[in-house]
Amino acid sequence: MKYTIYEDPLTHKFAFLPLPSRFVEGDKLPLVATDRWFGSRVEAIAALPELFDRDESEPGIELPEAVQVDDAGRQLP
């Protein structure tokens, strides 16, 4: 599974955002709820080993079809 580190434009907190299997650079980011927010990018990067451990212990998890959003977080038609 691919992830990106996402920064919320309003709170400036960071989260790992799982990407759909067919995601390519330049696609709109999917709207996905996250279970953990970090106060800084450095904190998020420091938590990467935890993410990798979780990924390995939960093989085969597939995300539902992504909802497309614009840069302000509004759902696109």
N, C-alpha and C. Protein backbone atom coordinates (compact mmCIF):
# COMPACT_ATOMS: atom_id res chain seq x y z
N MET A 1 0.85 -1.17 0.00
CA MET A 1 0.00 0.00 0.00
C MET A 1 0.90 1.23 0.00
N LYS A 2 0.48 2.25 -0.74
CA LYS A 2 1.22 3.51 -0.78
C LYS A 2 0.57 4.52 0.14
N TYR A 3 1.40 5.36 0.73
CA TYR A 3 0.94 6.43 1.62
C TYR A 3 1.60 7.74 1.21
N THR A 4 1.01 8.82 1.64
CA THR A 4 1.64 10.12 1.57
C THR A 4 1.47 10.77 2.93
N ILE A 5 2.35 11.71 3.24
CA ILE A 5 2.18 12.49 4.46
C ILE A 5 1.40 13.73 4.05
N TYR A 6 0.25 13.91 4.67
CA TYR A 6 -0.68 14.98 4.32
C TYR A 6 -0.65 16.05 5.41
N GLU A 7 -0.61 17.32 5.00
CA GLU A 7 -0.71 18.43 5.95
C GLU A 7 -2.07 19.09 5.77
N ASP A 8 -2.86 19.11 6.85
CA ASP A 8 -4.16 19.77 6.80
C ASP A 8 -3.93 21.27 6.65
N PRO A 9 -4.53 21.90 5.63
CA PRO A 9 -4.29 23.32 5.40
C PRO A 9 -4.86 24.24 6.49
N LEU A 10 -5.81 23.76 7.26
CA LEU A 10 -6.41 24.59 8.32
C LEU A 10 -5.68 24.44 9.66
N THR A 11 -5.40 23.20 10.05
CA THR A 11 -4.79 22.96 11.37
C THR A 11 -3.27 22.85 11.31
N HIS A 12 -2.74 22.61 10.12
CA HIS A 12 -1.30 22.40 9.91
C HIS A 12 -0.79 21.19 10.70
N LYS A 13 -1.69 20.23 10.93
CA LYS A 13 -1.30 18.94 11.51
C LYS A 13 -1.06 17.98 10.36
N PHE A 14 -0.32 16.91 10.64
CA PHE A 14 0.08 15.96 9.61
C PHE A 14 -0.51 14.59 9.90
N ALA A 15 -0.76 13.84 8.82
CA ALA A 15 -1.28 12.48 8.95
C ALA A 15 -0.78 11.65 7.79
N PHE A 16 -0.79 10.33 7.98
CA PHE A 16 -0.51 9.42 6.87
C PHE A 16 -1.80 9.23 6.11
N LEU A 17 -1.76 9.42 4.83
CA LEU A 17 -2.94 9.27 3.99
C LEU A 17 -2.73 8.07 3.08
N PRO A 18 -3.51 6.98 3.26
CA PRO A 18 -3.38 5.84 2.36
C PRO A 18 -3.90 6.22 0.98
N LEU A 19 -3.19 5.79 -0.04
CA LEU A 19 -3.55 6.14 -1.40
C LEU A 19 -4.20 4.95 -2.10
N PRO A 20 -5.17 5.19 -2.97
CA PRO A 20 -5.80 4.12 -3.73
C PRO A 20 -4.75 3.38 -4.58
N SER A 21 -5.02 2.14 -4.89
CA SER A 21 -4.04 1.32 -5.62
C SER A 21 -3.70 1.89 -6.99
N ARG A 22 -4.61 2.61 -7.61
CA ARG A 22 -4.34 3.17 -8.95
C ARG A 22 -3.92 4.64 -8.90
N PHE A 23 -3.55 5.13 -7.74
CA PHE A 23 -3.17 6.53 -7.59
C PHE A 23 -1.85 6.81 -8.29
N VAL A 24 -1.81 7.90 -9.05
CA VAL A 24 -0.56 8.35 -9.68
C VAL A 24 -0.36 9.81 -9.32
N GLU A 25 0.89 10.23 -9.30
CA GLU A 25 1.20 11.61 -8.96
C GLU A 25 0.42 12.56 -9.85
N GLY A 26 -0.19 13.56 -9.24
CA GLY A 26 -1.01 14.52 -9.97
C GLY A 26 -2.50 14.28 -9.78
N ASP A 27 -2.91 13.07 -9.36
CA ASP A 27 -4.31 12.82 -9.06
C ASP A 27 -4.71 13.62 -7.83
N LYS A 28 -6.00 13.94 -7.73
CA LYS A 28 -6.51 14.60 -6.54
C LYS A 28 -6.42 13.62 -5.37
N LEU A 29 -6.11 14.14 -4.19
CA LEU A 29 -6.02 13.29 -3.01
C LEU A 29 -7.41 12.83 -2.59
N PRO A 30 -7.53 11.56 -2.17
CA PRO A 30 -8.83 11.06 -1.72
C PRO A 30 -9.17 11.62 -0.35
N LEU A 31 -10.45 11.73 -0.07
CA LEU A 31 -10.93 12.14 1.25
C LEU A 31 -11.03 10.88 2.10
N VAL A 32 -10.16 10.78 3.09
CA VAL A 32 -10.12 9.59 3.92
C VAL A 32 -9.97 10.03 5.37
N ALA A 33 -10.69 9.38 6.25
CA ALA A 33 -10.53 9.66 7.68
C ALA A 33 -9.23 9.02 8.15
N THR A 34 -8.52 9.71 9.01
CA THR A 34 -7.28 9.17 9.54
C THR A 34 -7.44 8.91 11.03
N ASP A 35 -6.71 7.95 11.53
CA ASP A 35 -6.83 7.60 12.94
C ASP A 35 -5.81 8.30 13.82
N ARG A 36 -4.87 9.03 13.21
CA ARG A 36 -3.84 9.67 14.02
C ARG A 36 -3.29 10.91 13.32
N TRP A 37 -3.22 12.00 14.06
CA TRP A 37 -2.65 13.25 13.58
C TRP A 37 -1.37 13.55 14.34
N PHE A 38 -0.43 14.18 13.67
CA PHE A 38 0.85 14.54 14.27
C PHE A 38 0.99 16.06 14.25
N GLY A 39 1.66 16.61 15.27
CA GLY A 39 1.82 18.04 15.37
C GLY A 39 2.82 18.63 14.40
N SER A 40 3.71 17.79 13.86
CA SER A 40 4.71 18.27 12.91
C SER A 40 5.06 17.17 11.92
N ARG A 41 5.69 17.58 10.83
CA ARG A 41 6.14 16.61 9.82
C ARG A 41 7.20 15.69 10.43
N VAL A 42 8.05 16.24 11.27
CA VAL A 42 9.10 15.46 11.93
C VAL A 42 8.49 14.34 12.77
N GLU A 43 7.42 14.65 13.52
CA GLU A 43 6.73 13.63 14.32
C GLU A 43 6.14 12.55 13.43
N ALA A 44 5.57 12.94 12.30
CA ALA A 44 4.98 11.96 11.38
C ALA A 44 6.06 11.04 10.83
N ILE A 45 7.17 11.60 10.42
CA ILE A 45 8.27 10.78 9.88
C ILE A 45 8.81 9.84 10.95
N ALA A 46 8.89 10.32 12.19
CA ALA A 46 9.37 9.47 13.29
C ALA A 46 8.45 8.28 13.53
N ALA A 47 7.18 8.40 13.16
CA ALA A 47 6.20 7.32 13.38
C ALA A 47 6.14 6.34 12.20
N LEU A 48 6.94 6.54 11.17
CA LEU A 48 6.90 5.64 10.02
C LEU A 48 7.11 4.17 10.38
N PRO A 49 8.04 3.82 11.27
CA PRO A 49 8.19 2.39 11.61
C PRO A 49 6.89 1.77 12.13
N GLU A 50 6.12 2.55 12.91
CA GLU A 50 4.83 2.06 13.40
C GLU A 50 3.88 1.79 12.24
N LEU A 51 3.88 2.67 11.25
CA LEU A 51 3.02 2.50 10.07
C LEU A 51 3.43 1.23 9.31
N PHE A 52 4.72 1.03 9.13
CA PHE A 52 5.19 -0.15 8.41
C PHE A 52 4.83 -1.43 9.16
N ASP A 53 4.96 -1.41 10.50
CA ASP A 53 4.58 -2.57 11.30
C ASP A 53 3.10 -2.86 11.15
N ARG A 54 2.27 -1.83 11.18
CA ARG A 54 0.82 -2.00 11.04
C ARG A 54 0.49 -2.55 9.66
N ASP A 55 1.15 -2.04 8.64
CA ASP A 55 0.92 -2.50 7.27
C ASP A 55 1.25 -3.97 7.12
N GLU A 56 2.35 -4.41 7.72
CA GLU A 56 2.77 -5.81 7.61
C GLU A 56 1.84 -6.74 8.37
N SER A 57 1.25 -6.27 9.47
CA SER A 57 0.39 -7.13 10.27
C SER A 57 -1.04 -7.19 9.75
N GLU A 58 -1.38 -6.32 8.79
CA GLU A 58 -2.73 -6.29 8.24
C GLU A 58 -2.68 -6.41 6.71
N PRO A 59 -2.17 -7.54 6.21
CA PRO A 59 -2.07 -7.66 4.75
C PRO A 59 -3.44 -7.75 4.09
N GLY A 60 -3.50 -7.28 2.86
CA GLY A 60 -4.71 -7.42 2.07
C GLY A 60 -5.78 -6.40 2.34
N ILE A 61 -5.49 -5.37 3.12
CA ILE A 61 -6.50 -4.35 3.38
C ILE A 61 -6.64 -3.49 2.14
N GLU A 62 -7.84 -3.37 1.66
CA GLU A 62 -8.11 -2.54 0.48
C GLU A 62 -8.97 -1.36 0.90
N LEU A 63 -8.69 -0.22 0.33
CA LEU A 63 -9.49 0.96 0.61
C LEU A 63 -10.72 0.98 -0.28
N PRO A 64 -11.81 1.58 0.21
CA PRO A 64 -12.96 1.77 -0.67
C PRO A 64 -12.58 2.74 -1.77
N GLU A 65 -13.39 2.80 -2.80
CA GLU A 65 -13.12 3.73 -3.90
C GLU A 65 -12.98 5.15 -3.35
N ALA A 66 -11.99 5.85 -3.81
CA ALA A 66 -11.66 7.17 -3.27
C ALA A 66 -12.68 8.21 -3.70
N VAL A 67 -12.91 9.15 -2.80
CA VAL A 67 -13.72 10.32 -3.10
C VAL A 67 -12.74 11.43 -3.48
N GLN A 68 -12.96 12.08 -4.60
CA GLN A 68 -12.07 13.14 -5.05
C GLN A 68 -12.43 14.46 -4.40
N VAL A 69 -11.42 15.20 -3.95
CA VAL A 69 -11.64 16.50 -3.34
C VAL A 69 -10.73 17.53 -3.97
N ASP A 70 -11.15 18.80 -3.89
CA ASP A 70 -10.29 19.87 -4.41
C ASP A 70 -9.31 20.32 -3.31
N ASP A 71 -8.51 21.34 -3.60
CA ASP A 71 -7.48 21.77 -2.66
C ASP A 71 -8.05 22.31 -1.36
N ALA A 72 -9.29 22.72 -1.34
CA ALA A 72 -9.93 23.22 -0.12
C ALA A 72 -10.64 22.11 0.65
N GLY A 73 -10.57 20.86 0.17
CA GLY A 73 -11.20 19.75 0.84
C GLY A 73 -12.65 19.52 0.49
N ARG A 74 -13.15 20.21 -0.54
CA ARG A 74 -14.54 20.04 -0.96
C ARG A 74 -14.62 18.87 -1.94
N GLN A 75 -15.65 18.05 -1.78
CA GLN A 75 -15.85 16.90 -2.65
C GLN A 75 -16.17 17.36 -4.06
N LEU A 76 -15.50 16.74 -5.04
CA LEU A 76 -15.75 17.04 -6.44
C LEU A 76 -16.88 16.15 -6.96
N PRO A 77 -17.61 16.63 -7.95
CA PRO A 77 -18.72 15.82 -8.50
C PRO A 77 -18.21 14.59 -9.24
